[in-house]
Amino acid sequence: MEQELQDLTDKIIKYADRSGVQYCDARAEQQVKKSILIENEEIEHVRNNEDKGIGIRLITNGSWSFCSITNPNSFEEIKDILDNTIKNSDYTFSNKKIKLIYTIIQLIKNKLIFQF
């Protein structure tokens, strides 16, 4: 695997840590493919293809999030995706909190309070 790809994963984890996430892991993958087209027993062309990508898992406020990028060009490009993922995770958390409060209010209104 390219050192550049490994460096990007290190930067991602450090950036996520500074952004206040509870957990982050970044997994990089690189694939190199070679294909050869043969017609009438002659090689028509040879094609080399290289793909690389990074998958990122986060826990923010107890909510899991995932994002990925294929063939990243720069850390700035990844940072934008990471920021959006963290923002979406915060939104999910706030909605869960609202739903929980609503459920508690409904329980109280319906007098379904359990005593222990």
Protein backbone atom coordinates (compact mmCIF):
# COMPACT_ATOMS: atom_id res chain seq x y z
CA MET A 1 0.00 0.00 0.00
CA GLU A 2 1.19 3.48 -0.79
CA GLN A 3 2.66 5.51 2.04
CA GLU A 4 0.48 8.44 0.95
CA LEU A 5 -2.68 6.42 1.62
CA GLN A 6 -1.41 5.37 5.05
CA ASP A 7 -0.56 9.00 5.85
CA LEU A 8 -4.11 10.03 4.93
CA THR A 9 -5.61 7.47 7.32
CA ASP A 10 -3.36 8.76 10.13
CA LYS A 11 -4.47 12.35 9.42
CA ILE A 12 -8.13 11.27 9.40
CA ILE A 13 -7.89 9.65 12.82
CA LYS A 14 -6.04 12.63 14.32
CA TYR A 15 -8.53 15.08 12.81
CA ALA A 16 -11.52 13.07 14.07
CA ASP A 17 -9.99 12.95 17.55
CA ARG A 18 -9.57 16.75 17.53
CA SER A 19 -13.19 17.07 16.34
CA GLY A 20 -14.43 15.38 19.50
CA VAL A 21 -15.60 12.00 18.21
CA GLN A 22 -15.60 9.16 20.72
CA TYR A 23 -14.17 6.58 18.32
CA CYS A 24 -12.72 6.55 14.82
CA ASP A 25 -11.11 3.97 12.60
CA ALA A 26 -10.00 4.41 9.02
CA ARG A 27 -9.36 1.52 6.64
CA ALA A 28 -7.50 1.98 3.40
CA GLU A 29 -7.62 -0.33 0.42
CA GLN A 30 -5.73 -0.34 -2.83
CA GLN A 31 -6.43 -2.58 -5.81
CA VAL A 32 -4.39 -2.93 -8.96
CA LYS A 33 -6.03 -4.71 -11.88
CA LYS A 34 -4.62 -5.69 -15.22
CA SER A 35 -6.79 -6.78 -18.13
CA ILE A 36 -5.81 -7.97 -21.56
CA LEU A 37 -8.12 -8.11 -24.56
CA ILE A 38 -7.25 -10.85 -27.04
CA GLU A 39 -9.08 -11.15 -30.35
CA ASN A 40 -8.18 -13.60 -33.09
CA GLU A 41 -5.20 -14.80 -31.07
CA GLU A 42 -3.71 -11.28 -30.98
CA ILE A 43 -3.43 -8.88 -28.10
CA GLU A 44 -5.65 -5.89 -28.86
CA HIS A 45 -4.78 -3.90 -25.76
CA VAL A 46 -3.55 -4.16 -22.20
CA ARG A 47 -5.22 -2.06 -19.53
CA ASN A 48 -3.95 -1.30 -16.05
CA ASN A 49 -6.39 0.06 -13.50
CA GLU A 50 -5.66 1.18 -9.97
CA ASP A 51 -8.33 2.06 -7.41
CA LYS A 52 -7.85 3.11 -3.85
CA GLY A 53 -10.23 4.16 -1.15
CA ILE A 54 -10.71 4.83 2.53
CA GLY A 55 -13.62 3.77 4.75
CA ILE A 56 -14.14 5.64 8.01
CA ARG A 57 -16.26 4.58 11.00
CA LEU A 58 -17.10 7.02 13.78
CA ILE A 59 -18.95 7.09 17.06
CA THR A 60 -20.23 10.52 18.00
CA ASN A 61 -22.58 10.98 20.97
CA GLY A 62 -23.18 7.24 20.96
CA SER A 63 -24.25 7.12 17.29
CA TRP A 64 -22.34 5.13 14.67
CA SER A 65 -21.57 6.83 11.37
CA PHE A 66 -19.76 5.70 8.26
CA CYS A 67 -18.32 7.46 5.25
CA SER A 68 -16.00 6.47 2.45
CA ILE A 69 -14.15 7.99 -0.45
CA THR A 70 -12.77 6.43 -3.61
CA ASN A 71 -9.52 7.68 -5.12
CA PRO A 72 -9.01 10.56 -2.68
CA ASN A 73 -7.02 13.46 -4.08
CA SER A 74 -6.26 15.39 -0.91
CA PHE A 75 -6.87 15.49 2.82
CA GLU A 76 -9.06 18.59 2.33
CA GLU A 77 -11.44 16.53 0.18
CA ILE A 78 -11.66 13.88 2.89
CA LYS A 79 -12.00 16.50 5.63
CA ASP A 80 -15.16 17.90 4.00
CA ILE A 81 -16.75 14.44 3.90
CA LEU A 82 -15.67 13.76 7.49
CA ASP A 83 -17.11 17.09 8.70
CA ASN A 84 -20.45 16.31 7.03
CA THR A 85 -20.52 12.85 8.58
CA ILE A 86 -19.87 14.26 12.06
CA LYS A 87 -22.54 16.92 11.51
CA ASN A 88 -25.06 14.26 10.42
CA SER A 89 -24.20 12.18 13.46
CA ASP A 90 -24.88 15.19 15.72
CA TYR A 91 -28.25 15.68 14.00
CA THR A 92 -29.14 12.00 14.49
CA PHE A 93 -28.25 12.28 18.18
CA SER A 94 -30.39 15.38 18.69
CA ASN A 95 -33.36 13.68 17.00
CA LYS A 96 -32.98 10.60 19.20
CA LYS A 97 -32.95 12.85 22.23
CA ILE A 98 -36.17 14.60 21.11
CA LYS A 99 -37.87 11.26 20.46
CA LEU A 100 -36.87 9.99 23.90
CA ILE A 101 -38.25 13.12 25.61
CA TYR A 102 -41.48 12.79 23.58
CA THR A 103 -41.83 9.14 24.61
CA ILE A 104 -41.35 10.00 28.28
CA ILE A 105 -44.01 12.73 28.05
CA GLN A 106 -46.42 10.29 26.39
CA LEU A 107 -45.82 7.75 29.15
CA ILE A 108 -46.56 10.34 31.81
CA LYS A 109 -49.70 11.54 30.00
CA ASN A 110 -50.99 7.99 29.68
CA LYS A 111 -50.09 7.28 33.31
CA LEU A 112 -47.88 4.38 32.33
CA ILE A 113 -45.36 5.11 35.00
CA PHE A 114 -43.85 1.96 36.38
CA GLN A 115 -43.04 1.71 40.07
CA PHE A 116 -40.28 -0.51 41.31
